[in-house]
Every structure is written in structure tokens, then in C-alpha cells.
PDB file of all heavy atoms in Angstrom:
ATOM      1  N   GLN A   1       0.845  -1.178   0.005  1.00  0.00           N
ATOM      2  CA  GLN A   1      -0.012  -0.005  -0.006  1.00  0.00           C
ATOM      3  C   GLN A   1       0.874   1.245   0.004  1.00  0.00           C
ATOM      4  O   GLN A   1       1.845   1.317   0.774  1.00  0.00           O
ATOM      5  CB  GLN A   1      -0.890   0.025   1.236  1.00  0.00           C
ATOM      6  CG  GLN A   1      -1.930  -1.084   1.288  1.00  0.00           C
ATOM      7  CD  GLN A   1      -2.836  -0.872   2.486  1.00  0.00           C
ATOM      8  OE1 GLN A   1      -3.832  -0.146   2.390  1.00  0.00           O
ATOM      9  NE2 GLN A   1      -2.537  -1.529   3.574  1.00  0.00           N
ATOM     10  N   LEU A   2       0.532   2.201  -0.845  1.00  0.00           N
ATOM     11  CA  LEU A   2       1.196   3.525  -0.882  1.00  0.00           C
ATOM     12  C   LEU A   2       0.171   4.530  -0.424  1.00  0.00           C
ATOM     13  O   LEU A   2      -0.789   4.818  -1.158  1.00  0.00           O
ATOM     14  CB  LEU A   2       1.699   3.812  -2.267  1.00  0.00           C
ATOM     15  CG  LEU A   2       2.338   5.186  -2.523  1.00  0.00           C
ATOM     16  CD1 LEU A   2       3.497   5.460  -1.563  1.00  0.00           C
ATOM     17  CD2 LEU A   2       2.798   5.346  -3.959  1.00  0.00           C
ATOM     18  N   LEU A   3       0.331   5.069   0.786  1.00  0.00           N
ATOM     19  CA  LEU A   3      -0.658   5.888   1.429  1.00  0.00           C
ATOM     20  C   LEU A   3      -0.100   7.211   1.935  1.00  0.00           C
ATOM     21  O   LEU A   3       1.077   7.239   2.341  1.00  0.00           O
ATOM     22  CB  LEU A   3      -1.312   5.135   2.607  1.00  0.00           C
ATOM     23  CG  LEU A   3      -1.967   3.785   2.306  1.00  0.00           C
ATOM     24  CD1 LEU A   3      -2.397   3.112   3.607  1.00  0.00           C
ATOM     25  CD2 LEU A   3      -3.144   3.950   1.380  1.00  0.00           C
ATOM     26  N   PRO A   4      -0.878   8.274   1.925  1.00  0.00           N
ATOM     27  CA  PRO A   4      -0.396   9.532   2.491  1.00  0.00           C
ATOM     28  C   PRO A   4      -0.130   9.401   3.988  1.00  0.00           C
ATOM     29  O   PRO A   4      -0.765   8.585   4.663  1.00  0.00           O
ATOM     30  CB  PRO A   4      -1.541  10.521   2.194  1.00  0.00           C
ATOM     31  CG  PRO A   4      -2.751   9.672   2.007  1.00  0.00           C
ATOM     32  CD  PRO A   4      -2.269   8.390   1.410  1.00  0.00           C
ATOM     33  N   ALA A   5       0.812  10.224   4.469  1.00  0.00           N
ATOM     34  CA  ALA A   5       1.196  10.151   5.891  1.00  0.00           C
ATOM     35  C   ALA A   5       0.178  10.897   6.765  1.00  0.00           C
ATOM     36  O   ALA A   5       0.521  11.848   7.461  1.00  0.00           O
ATOM     37  CB  ALA A   5       2.594  10.686   6.059  1.00  0.00           C
ATOM     38  N   SER A   6      -1.056  10.437   6.747  1.00  0.00           N
ATOM     39  CA  SER A   6      -2.104  11.018   7.581  1.00  0.00           C
ATOM     40  C   SER A   6      -2.044  10.379   8.955  1.00  0.00           C
ATOM     41  O   SER A   6      -1.404   9.344   9.158  1.00  0.00           O
ATOM     42  CB  SER A   6      -3.457  10.714   6.921  1.00  0.00           C
ATOM     43  OG  SER A   6      -3.705   9.297   6.958  1.00  0.00           O
ATOM     44  N   PRO A   7      -2.733  10.985   9.949  1.00  0.00           N
ATOM     45  CA  PRO A   7      -2.713  10.376  11.294  1.00  0.00           C
ATOM     46  C   PRO A   7      -3.214   8.931  11.312  1.00  0.00           C
ATOM     47  O   PRO A   7      -2.664   8.094  12.008  1.00  0.00           O
ATOM     48  CB  PRO A   7      -3.651  11.306  12.068  1.00  0.00           C
ATOM     49  CG  PRO A   7      -3.509  12.639  11.399  1.00  0.00           C
ATOM     50  CD  PRO A   7      -3.360  12.315   9.937  1.00  0.00           C
ATOM     51  N   GLU A   8      -4.247   8.643  10.490  1.00  0.00           N
ATOM     52  CA  GLU A   8      -4.764   7.266  10.429  1.00  0.00           C
ATOM     53  C   GLU A   8      -3.733   6.304   9.893  1.00  0.00           C
ATOM     54  O   GLU A   8      -3.568   5.170  10.405  1.00  0.00           O
ATOM     55  CB  GLU A   8      -6.014   7.211   9.560  1.00  0.00           C
ATOM     56  CG  GLU A   8      -7.202   7.997  10.123  1.00  0.00           C
ATOM     57  CD  GLU A   8      -7.097   9.508   9.819  1.00  0.00           C
ATOM     58  OE1 GLU A   8      -6.191   9.902   9.053  1.00  0.00           O
ATOM     59  OE2 GLU A   8      -7.878  10.274  10.422  1.00  0.00           O
ATOM     60  N   ASN A   9      -3.024   6.732   8.856  1.00  0.00           N
ATOM     61  CA  ASN A   9      -2.031   5.858   8.252  1.00  0.00           C
ATOM     62  C   ASN A   9      -0.739   5.779   9.066  1.00  0.00           C
ATOM     63  O   ASN A   9      -0.060   4.732   9.023  1.00  0.00           O
ATOM     64  CB  ASN A   9      -1.738   6.288   6.820  1.00  0.00           C
ATOM     65  CG  ASN A   9      -2.951   6.162   5.923  1.00  0.00           C
ATOM     66  OD1 ASN A   9      -3.770   5.257   6.139  1.00  0.00           O
ATOM     67  ND2 ASN A   9      -3.079   7.038   4.943  1.00  0.00           N
ATOM     68  N   ILE A  10      -0.429   6.812   9.820  1.00  0.00           N
ATOM     69  CA  ILE A  10       0.691   6.729  10.764  1.00  0.00           C
ATOM     70  C   ILE A  10       0.358   5.689  11.830  1.00  0.00           C
ATOM     71  O   ILE A  10       1.229   4.884  12.219  1.00  0.00           O
ATOM     72  CB  ILE A  10       0.977   8.116  11.372  1.00  0.00           C
ATOM     73  CG1 ILE A  10       1.694   8.995  10.314  1.00  0.00           C
ATOM     74  CG2 ILE A  10       1.785   8.011  12.649  1.00  0.00           C
ATOM     75  CD1 ILE A  10       1.791  10.429  10.690  1.00  0.00           C
ATOM     76  N   ALA A  11      -0.868   5.674  12.283  1.00  0.00           N
ATOM     77  CA  ALA A  11      -1.283   4.640  13.277  1.00  0.00           C
ATOM     78  C   ALA A  11      -1.187   3.230  12.679  1.00  0.00           C
ATOM     79  O   ALA A  11      -0.791   2.306  13.363  1.00  0.00           O
ATOM     80  CB  ALA A  11      -2.708   4.942  13.752  1.00  0.00           C
ATOM     81  N   LEU A  12      -1.570   3.117  11.418  1.00  0.00           N
ATOM     82  CA  LEU A  12      -1.451   1.807  10.734  1.00  0.00           C
ATOM     83  C   LEU A  12      -0.005   1.401  10.650  1.00  0.00           C
ATOM     84  O   LEU A  12       0.351   0.219  10.908  1.00  0.00           O
ATOM     85  CB  LEU A  12      -2.058   1.913   9.330  1.00  0.00           C
ATOM     86  CG  LEU A  12      -1.858   0.702   8.404  1.00  0.00           C
ATOM     87  CD1 LEU A  12      -2.485  -0.551   8.999  1.00  0.00           C
ATOM     88  CD2 LEU A  12      -2.429   1.003   7.019  1.00  0.00           C
ATOM     89  N   ALA A  13       0.894   2.332  10.285  1.00  0.00           N
ATOM     90  CA  ALA A  13       2.341   2.009  10.202  1.00  0.00           C
ATOM     91  C   ALA A  13       2.855   1.581  11.563  1.00  0.00           C
ATOM     92  O   ALA A  13       3.636   0.595  11.666  1.00  0.00           O
ATOM     93  CB  ALA A  13       3.080   3.228   9.695  1.00  0.00           C
ATOM     94  N   ALA A  14       2.469   2.279  12.610  1.00  0.00           N
ATOM     95  CA  ALA A  14       2.925   1.940  13.952  1.00  0.00           C
ATOM     96  C   ALA A  14       2.471   0.535  14.349  1.00  0.00           C
ATOM     97  O   ALA A  14       3.240  -0.217  14.955  1.00  0.00           O
ATOM     98  CB  ALA A  14       2.416   2.996  14.950  1.00  0.00           C
ATOM     99  N   ALA A  15       1.247   0.202  14.018  1.00  0.00           N
ATOM    100  CA  ALA A  15       0.721  -1.131  14.368  1.00  0.00           C
ATOM    101  C   ALA A  15       1.487  -2.225  13.606  1.00  0.00           C
ATOM    102  O   ALA A  15       1.794  -3.283  14.184  1.00  0.00           O
ATOM    103  CB  ALA A  15      -0.769  -1.219  14.027  1.00  0.00           C
ATOM    104  N   LEU A  16       1.804  -1.978  12.354  1.00  0.00           N
ATOM    105  CA  LEU A  16       2.582  -2.956  11.581  1.00  0.00           C
ATOM    106  C   LEU A  16       3.971  -3.137  12.185  1.00  0.00           C
ATOM    107  O   LEU A  16       4.477  -4.267  12.314  1.00  0.00           O
ATOM    108  CB  LEU A  16       2.713  -2.508  10.131  1.00  0.00           C
ATOM    109  CG  LEU A  16       1.478  -2.659   9.258  1.00  0.00           C
ATOM    110  CD1 LEU A  16       1.628  -1.862   7.952  1.00  0.00           C
ATOM    111  CD2 LEU A  16       1.204  -4.115   8.949  1.00  0.00           C
ATOM    112  N   LEU A  17       4.612  -2.056  12.588  1.00  0.00           N
ATOM    113  CA  LEU A  17       5.934  -2.103  13.201  1.00  0.00           C
ATOM    114  C   LEU A  17       5.901  -2.870  14.505  1.00  0.00           C
ATOM    115  O   LEU A  17       6.792  -3.665  14.814  1.00  0.00           O
ATOM    116  CB  LEU A  17       6.483  -0.709  13.397  1.00  0.00           C
ATOM    117  CG  LEU A  17       6.847   0.032  12.098  1.00  0.00           C
ATOM    118  CD1 LEU A  17       6.974   1.542  12.331  1.00  0.00           C
ATOM    119  CD2 LEU A  17       8.151  -0.532  11.505  1.00  0.00           C
ATOM    120  N   GLN A  18       4.860  -2.657  15.264  1.00  0.00           N
ATOM    121  CA  GLN A  18       4.711  -3.390  16.543  1.00  0.00           C
ATOM    122  C   GLN A  18       4.532  -4.873  16.322  1.00  0.00           C
ATOM    123  O   GLN A  18       4.886  -5.675  17.211  1.00  0.00           O
ATOM    124  CB  GLN A  18       3.519  -2.806  17.317  1.00  0.00           C
ATOM    125  CG  GLN A  18       3.793  -1.399  17.888  1.00  0.00           C
ATOM    126  CD  GLN A  18       2.524  -0.750  18.422  1.00  0.00           C
ATOM    127  OE1 GLN A  18       1.404  -1.147  18.064  1.00  0.00           O
ATOM    128  NE2 GLN A  18       2.700   0.273  19.221  1.00  0.00           N
ATOM    129  N   ARG A  19       4.014  -5.247  15.163  1.00  0.00           N
ATOM    130  CA  ARG A  19       3.804  -6.690  14.839  1.00  0.00           C
ATOM    131  C   ARG A  19       5.016  -7.298  14.177  1.00  0.00           C
ATOM    132  O   ARG A  19       4.980  -8.432  13.718  1.00  0.00           O
ATOM    133  CB  ARG A  19       2.579  -6.846  13.930  1.00  0.00           C
ATOM    134  CG  ARG A  19       1.275  -6.467  14.577  1.00  0.00           C
ATOM    135  CD  ARG A  19       0.098  -7.163  13.928  1.00  0.00           C
ATOM    136  NE  ARG A  19      -0.052  -6.832  12.520  1.00  0.00           N
ATOM    137  CZ  ARG A  19      -0.830  -5.826  12.039  1.00  0.00           C
ATOM    138  NH1 ARG A  19      -1.477  -5.071  12.916  1.00  0.00           N
ATOM    139  NH2 ARG A  19      -0.922  -5.603  10.769  1.00  0.00           N
ATOM    140  N   GLY A  20       6.121  -6.537  14.057  1.00  0.00           N
ATOM    141  CA  GLY A  20       7.354  -7.064  13.483  1.00  0.00           C
ATOM    142  C   GLY A  20       7.465  -6.934  11.993  1.00  0.00           C
ATOM    143  O   GLY A  20       8.292  -7.592  11.343  1.00  0.00           O
ATOM    144  N   GLU A  21       6.641  -6.038  11.382  1.00  0.00           N
ATOM    145  CA  GLU A  21       6.745  -5.798   9.936  1.00  0.00           C
ATOM    146  C   GLU A  21       7.668  -4.633   9.632  1.00  0.00           C
ATOM    147  O   GLU A  21       8.157  -3.944  10.524  1.00  0.00           O
ATOM    148  CB  GLU A  21       5.336  -5.502   9.381  1.00  0.00           C
ATOM    149  CG  GLU A  21       4.385  -6.671   9.458  1.00  0.00           C
ATOM    150  CD  GLU A  21       4.821  -7.875   8.604  1.00  0.00           C
ATOM    151  OE1 GLU A  21       5.619  -7.674   7.685  1.00  0.00           O
ATOM    152  OE2 GLU A  21       4.353  -8.990   8.921  1.00  0.00           O
ATOM    153  N   VAL A  22       7.934  -4.428   8.338  1.00  0.00           N
ATOM    154  CA  VAL A  22       8.752  -3.303   7.910  1.00  0.00           C
ATOM    155  C   VAL A  22       7.861  -2.324   7.140  1.00  0.00           C
ATOM    156  O   VAL A  22       6.899  -2.704   6.461  1.00  0.00           O
ATOM    157  CB  VAL A  22       9.924  -3.778   6.999  1.00  0.00           C
ATOM    158  CG1 VAL A  22      10.939  -4.568   7.841  1.00  0.00           C
ATOM    159  CG2 VAL A  22       9.431  -4.584   5.839  1.00  0.00           C
ATOM    160  N   VAL A  23       8.250  -1.039   7.209  1.00  0.00           N
ATOM    161  CA  VAL A  23       7.421   0.019   6.631  1.00  0.00           C
ATOM    162  C   VAL A  23       8.350   1.051   5.974  1.00  0.00           C
ATOM    163  O   VAL A  23       9.377   1.403   6.552  1.00  0.00           O
ATOM    164  CB  VAL A  23       6.581   0.692   7.712  1.00  0.00           C
ATOM    165  CG1 VAL A  23       5.885   1.956   7.174  1.00  0.00           C
ATOM    166  CG2 VAL A  23       5.523  -0.243   8.243  1.00  0.00           C
ATOM    167  N   GLY A  24       7.990   1.521   4.786  1.00  0.00           N
ATOM    168  CA  GLY A  24       8.688   2.649   4.187  1.00  0.00           C
ATOM    169  C   GLY A  24       8.145   3.940   4.694  1.00  0.00           C
ATOM    170  O   GLY A  24       6.909   4.149   4.720  1.00  0.00           O
ATOM    171  N   LEU A  25       9.024   4.840   5.162  1.00  0.00           N
ATOM    172  CA  LEU A  25       8.557   6.105   5.707  1.00  0.00           C
ATOM    173  C   LEU A  25       9.464   7.256   5.324  1.00  0.00           C
ATOM    174  O   LEU A  25      10.674   7.055   5.092  1.00  0.00           O
ATOM    175  CB  LEU A  25       8.382   6.016   7.219  1.00  0.00           C
ATOM    176  CG  LEU A  25       9.583   6.123   8.158  1.00  0.00           C
ATOM    177  CD1 LEU A  25       9.108   6.268   9.582  1.00  0.00           C
ATOM    178  CD2 LEU A  25      10.467   4.900   8.025  1.00  0.00           C
ATOM    179  N   PRO A  26       8.931   8.464   5.271  1.00  0.00           N
ATOM    180  CA  PRO A  26       9.758   9.615   4.850  1.00  0.00           C
ATOM    181  C   PRO A  26      10.607  10.161   6.007  1.00  0.00           C
ATOM    182  O   PRO A  26      10.220  10.118   7.179  1.00  0.00           O
ATOM    183  CB  PRO A  26       8.695  10.656   4.467  1.00  0.00           C
ATOM    184  CG  PRO A  26       7.530  10.339   5.343  1.00  0.00           C
ATOM    185  CD  PRO A  26       7.524   8.827   5.521  1.00  0.00           C
ATOM    186  N   THR A  27      11.778  10.637   5.656  1.00  0.00           N
ATOM    187  CA  THR A  27      12.568  11.496   6.559  1.00  0.00           C
ATOM    188  C   THR A  27      13.005  12.706   5.744  1.00  0.00           C
ATOM    189  O   THR A  27      12.763  12.762   4.532  1.00  0.00           O
ATOM    190  CB  THR A  27      13.803  10.783   7.148  1.00  0.00           C
ATOM    191  OG1 THR A  27      14.869  10.777   6.199  1.00  0.00           O
ATOM    192  CG2 THR A  27      13.497   9.359   7.583  1.00  0.00           C
ATOM    193  N   GLU A  28      13.646  13.652   6.403  1.00  0.00           N
ATOM    194  CA  GLU A  28      14.118  14.823   5.635  1.00  0.00           C
ATOM    195  C   GLU A  28      15.306  14.483   4.743  1.00  0.00           C
ATOM    196  O   GLU A  28      15.607  15.207   3.814  1.00  0.00           O
ATOM    197  CB  GLU A  28      14.463  15.945   6.588  1.00  0.00           C
ATOM    198  CG  GLU A  28      15.770  15.806   7.371  1.00  0.00           C
ATOM    199  CD  GLU A  28      15.656  14.900   8.571  1.00  0.00           C
ATOM    200  OE1 GLU A  28      14.696  14.103   8.699  1.00  0.00           O
ATOM    201  OE2 GLU A  28      16.563  14.966   9.402  1.00  0.00           O
ATOM    202  N   THR A  29      16.022  13.369   4.993  1.00  0.00           N
ATOM    203  CA  THR A  29      17.179  12.996   4.205  1.00  0.00           C
ATOM    204  C   THR A  29      16.761  12.205   3.008  1.00  0.00           C
ATOM    205  O   THR A  29      16.749  12.686   1.876  1.00  0.00           O
ATOM    206  CB  THR A  29      18.177  12.249   5.063  1.00  0.00           C
ATOM    207  OG1 THR A  29      17.573  11.084   5.634  1.00  0.00           O
ATOM    208  CG2 THR A  29      18.743  13.140   6.169  1.00  0.00           C
TER     209      THR A  29
END
């Protein structure tokens, strides 16, 4: 899934990470 970094999708990313998954996320670099 390619989703905008909205609060809902940030929560989804956090839940995936807590379950041991990997997530692509933006940084300033």
C-alpha cells in the first residue's frame, strides 16, 4: 500500500511495526 502520511495511516504504520513488519517512511534526508 502507498498511502499519504495522515494520522490514520501513521497509526497503521505503527501497528505494523509493533507486529514485526517493515514500513517505508519519509525522513528529511
